[in-house]
Every structure is written in C-alpha cells, then in structure tokens.
Amino acid sequence: MKENKKCKNTLPSDQLETGRKAVSQKKRLKRLAKEMLGLLEGLRKAEEEWALLVFRATSRPRREGKEPWK
C-alpha cells in the first residue's frame, strides 16, 4: 500500500512570500482593470446620450406638412 506523501515546498519561505505578494497584486490589478473598463463603458454611454441631447437641442424642428428635405 502506497503512502500519500505531502508535497514539500522546495523554495525558501521568502521566495514563497514574494510569490504570494505577486499573485495578490496581479489579482488586484485585474480587479482594477475590470473596474476601469466598466467606468469607460459608462462614460461612452453618457457621451452618446449627451451628443444626442445636443443634436436634438440644436436641430430645428420641422414644420407641419413640409417635406424634411426642403
């Protein structure tokens, strides 16, 4: 019957700690990047809405019974 041996870390503890810090920093950066993409998407939508509002405010209303190309 085989014994289950636990895998021992071959790296010194200071290198393991550095690796853990790098992994947590990578996760933090991914989370921040995702948040920034969400903010950019919201900004793009707001810009489109603003452009539409400006267009509506500056365009002249059409008179009744007049063709739009005249």
N, C-alpha and C. Protein backbone atom coordinates (compact mmCIF):
# COMPACT_ATOMS: atom_id res chain seq x y z
N MET A 1 0.85 -1.17 0.00
CA MET A 1 0.00 0.00 0.00
C MET A 1 0.89 1.24 0.00
N LYS A 2 0.58 2.19 -0.91
CA LYS A 2 1.39 3.39 -1.02
C LYS A 2 0.96 4.41 0.03
N GLU A 3 1.97 5.15 0.50
CA GLU A 3 1.66 6.22 1.44
C GLU A 3 1.50 7.52 0.67
N ASN A 4 0.57 8.30 1.11
CA ASN A 4 0.40 9.63 0.50
C ASN A 4 1.40 10.58 1.12
N LYS A 5 2.32 11.03 0.29
CA LYS A 5 3.32 11.97 0.78
C LYS A 5 2.89 13.38 0.40
N LYS A 6 2.98 14.27 1.37
CA LYS A 6 2.65 15.66 1.09
C LYS A 6 3.79 16.29 0.30
N CYS A 7 3.44 17.08 -0.66
CA CYS A 7 4.44 17.74 -1.48
C CYS A 7 5.09 18.83 -0.65
N LYS A 8 6.39 18.79 -0.56
CA LYS A 8 7.11 19.79 0.22
C LYS A 8 7.50 20.95 -0.69
N ASN A 9 7.46 22.14 -0.14
CA ASN A 9 7.89 23.31 -0.89
C ASN A 9 9.40 23.28 -1.01
N THR A 10 9.87 23.47 -2.22
CA THR A 10 11.32 23.46 -2.43
C THR A 10 11.89 24.87 -2.42
N LEU A 11 11.03 25.88 -2.41
CA LEU A 11 11.51 27.26 -2.38
C LEU A 11 11.65 27.74 -0.95
N PRO A 12 12.60 28.60 -0.70
CA PRO A 12 12.71 29.20 0.63
C PRO A 12 11.47 30.04 0.94
N SER A 13 11.21 30.23 2.20
CA SER A 13 9.97 30.91 2.60
C SER A 13 9.90 32.35 2.10
N ASP A 14 11.04 33.05 1.98
CA ASP A 14 10.98 34.42 1.50
C ASP A 14 10.57 34.48 0.03
N GLN A 15 10.99 33.49 -0.76
CA GLN A 15 10.57 33.45 -2.16
C GLN A 15 9.09 33.08 -2.28
N LEU A 16 8.61 32.23 -1.40
CA LEU A 16 7.18 31.88 -1.41
C LEU A 16 6.36 33.11 -1.06
N GLU A 17 6.81 33.88 -0.09
CA GLU A 17 6.09 35.09 0.30
C GLU A 17 6.07 36.09 -0.85
N THR A 18 7.18 36.23 -1.56
CA THR A 18 7.24 37.13 -2.71
C THR A 18 6.27 36.67 -3.79
N GLY A 19 6.19 35.38 -4.02
CA GLY A 19 5.25 34.83 -5.00
C GLY A 19 3.81 35.10 -4.62
N ARG A 20 3.52 34.96 -3.33
CA ARG A 20 2.15 35.23 -2.86
C ARG A 20 1.79 36.70 -3.06
N LYS A 21 2.76 37.57 -2.77
CA LYS A 21 2.51 39.00 -2.96
C LYS A 21 2.27 39.31 -4.43
N ALA A 22 3.05 38.67 -5.31
CA ALA A 22 2.88 38.91 -6.74
C ALA A 22 1.51 38.44 -7.22
N VAL A 23 1.07 37.30 -6.71
CA VAL A 23 -0.24 36.78 -7.11
C VAL A 23 -1.35 37.71 -6.61
N SER A 24 -1.25 38.17 -5.36
CA SER A 24 -2.29 39.06 -4.85
C SER A 24 -2.28 40.40 -5.59
N GLN A 25 -1.08 40.87 -5.97
CA GLN A 25 -1.01 42.12 -6.72
C GLN A 25 -1.62 41.94 -8.11
N LYS A 26 -1.39 40.79 -8.73
CA LYS A 26 -1.97 40.52 -10.05
C LYS A 26 -3.49 40.49 -9.97
N LYS A 27 -4.02 39.87 -8.92
CA LYS A 27 -5.48 39.82 -8.74
C LYS A 27 -6.03 41.23 -8.55
N ARG A 28 -5.33 42.04 -7.76
CA ARG A 28 -5.77 43.41 -7.52
C ARG A 28 -5.77 44.21 -8.82
N LEU A 29 -4.72 44.04 -9.62
CA LEU A 29 -4.64 44.76 -10.89
C LEU A 29 -5.74 44.33 -11.85
N LYS A 30 -6.04 43.03 -11.88
CA LYS A 30 -7.13 42.55 -12.73
C LYS A 30 -8.46 43.16 -12.31
N ARG A 31 -8.68 43.24 -11.01
CA ARG A 31 -9.93 43.81 -10.49
C ARG A 31 -10.02 45.30 -10.85
N LEU A 32 -8.92 46.01 -10.70
CA LEU A 32 -8.90 47.42 -11.06
C LEU A 32 -9.12 47.63 -12.56
N ALA A 33 -8.51 46.77 -13.38
CA ALA A 33 -8.68 46.89 -14.83
C ALA A 33 -10.13 46.66 -15.21
N LYS A 34 -10.76 45.69 -14.58
CA LYS A 34 -12.17 45.41 -14.85
C LYS A 34 -13.04 46.60 -14.46
N GLU A 35 -12.73 47.20 -13.32
CA GLU A 35 -13.48 48.37 -12.87
C GLU A 35 -13.29 49.54 -13.83
N MET A 36 -12.07 49.74 -14.30
CA MET A 36 -11.80 50.83 -15.23
C MET A 36 -12.54 50.62 -16.55
N LEU A 37 -12.59 49.38 -17.03
CA LEU A 37 -13.34 49.10 -18.26
C LEU A 37 -14.82 49.42 -18.08
N GLY A 38 -15.35 49.09 -16.92
CA GLY A 38 -16.75 49.42 -16.63
C GLY A 38 -16.99 50.92 -16.61
N LEU A 39 -16.05 51.66 -16.02
CA LEU A 39 -16.18 53.12 -15.99
C LEU A 39 -16.09 53.70 -17.39
N LEU A 40 -15.19 53.17 -18.21
CA LEU A 40 -15.07 53.66 -19.58
C LEU A 40 -16.33 53.39 -20.39
N GLU A 41 -16.93 52.24 -20.17
CA GLU A 41 -18.17 51.90 -20.87
C GLU A 41 -19.28 52.87 -20.46
N GLY A 42 -19.37 53.17 -19.17
CA GLY A 42 -20.35 54.12 -18.69
C GLY A 42 -20.11 55.51 -19.26
N LEU A 43 -18.86 55.90 -19.35
CA LEU A 43 -18.52 57.21 -19.93
C LEU A 43 -18.89 57.27 -21.40
N ARG A 44 -18.66 56.18 -22.12
CA ARG A 44 -19.01 56.14 -23.55
C ARG A 44 -20.52 56.29 -23.73
N LYS A 45 -21.29 55.59 -22.89
CA LYS A 45 -22.75 55.69 -22.99
C LYS A 45 -23.23 57.10 -22.67
N ALA A 46 -22.63 57.70 -21.64
CA ALA A 46 -23.01 59.06 -21.27
C ALA A 46 -22.67 60.04 -22.39
N GLU A 47 -21.54 59.82 -23.05
CA GLU A 47 -21.14 60.70 -24.15
C GLU A 47 -22.13 60.58 -25.31
N GLU A 48 -22.57 59.36 -25.61
CA GLU A 48 -23.57 59.17 -26.68
C GLU A 48 -24.88 59.88 -26.35
N GLU A 49 -25.31 59.73 -25.09
CA GLU A 49 -26.56 60.39 -24.68
C GLU A 49 -26.43 61.91 -24.76
N TRP A 50 -25.27 62.43 -24.34
CA TRP A 50 -25.03 63.88 -24.39
C TRP A 50 -25.06 64.37 -25.83
N ALA A 51 -24.40 63.63 -26.73
CA ALA A 51 -24.38 64.03 -28.14
C ALA A 51 -25.79 64.05 -28.71
N LEU A 52 -26.60 63.08 -28.34
CA LEU A 52 -27.98 63.04 -28.82
C LEU A 52 -28.79 64.22 -28.29
N LEU A 53 -28.59 64.55 -27.01
CA LEU A 53 -29.29 65.70 -26.43
C LEU A 53 -28.88 67.00 -27.12
N VAL A 54 -27.59 67.16 -27.38
CA VAL A 54 -27.11 68.38 -28.05
C VAL A 54 -27.67 68.45 -29.46
N PHE A 55 -27.70 67.32 -30.15
CA PHE A 55 -28.24 67.29 -31.51
C PHE A 55 -29.71 67.70 -31.51
N ARG A 56 -30.46 67.15 -30.57
CA ARG A 56 -31.90 67.48 -30.50
C ARG A 56 -32.11 68.95 -30.15
N ALA A 57 -31.27 69.48 -29.29
CA ALA A 57 -31.43 70.87 -28.86
C ALA A 57 -31.05 71.85 -29.96
N THR A 58 -30.09 71.48 -30.82
CA THR A 58 -29.62 72.42 -31.83
C THR A 58 -30.30 72.25 -33.18
N SER A 59 -30.96 71.11 -33.40
CA SER A 59 -31.63 70.93 -34.69
C SER A 59 -32.97 71.65 -34.68
N ARG A 60 -33.33 72.22 -35.84
CA ARG A 60 -34.60 72.95 -35.93
C ARG A 60 -35.75 71.96 -36.07
N PRO A 61 -36.83 72.22 -35.39
CA PRO A 61 -38.00 71.34 -35.56
C PRO A 61 -38.61 71.53 -36.95
N ARG A 62 -39.12 70.46 -37.50
CA ARG A 62 -39.74 70.52 -38.83
C ARG A 62 -41.14 71.11 -38.72
N ARG A 63 -41.50 71.87 -39.73
CA ARG A 63 -42.86 72.42 -39.75
C ARG A 63 -43.82 71.36 -40.27
N GLU A 64 -45.04 71.46 -39.83
CA GLU A 64 -46.07 70.50 -40.25
C GLU A 64 -46.31 70.62 -41.75
N GLY A 65 -46.41 69.48 -42.41
CA GLY A 65 -46.75 69.45 -43.82
C GLY A 65 -45.60 69.78 -44.75
N LYS A 66 -44.43 70.01 -44.23
CA LYS A 66 -43.28 70.32 -45.08
C LYS A 66 -42.38 69.09 -45.16
N GLU A 67 -41.90 68.81 -46.38
CA GLU A 67 -41.03 67.66 -46.55
C GLU A 67 -39.70 67.90 -45.83
N PRO A 68 -39.13 66.85 -45.26
CA PRO A 68 -37.91 67.03 -44.48
C PRO A 68 -36.70 67.47 -45.33
N TRP A 69 -36.75 67.24 -46.66
CA TRP A 69 -35.58 67.61 -47.48
C TRP A 69 -35.62 69.05 -47.96
N LYS A 70 -36.74 69.74 -47.71
CA LYS A 70 -36.84 71.14 -48.15
C LYS A 70 -36.50 72.09 -47.03
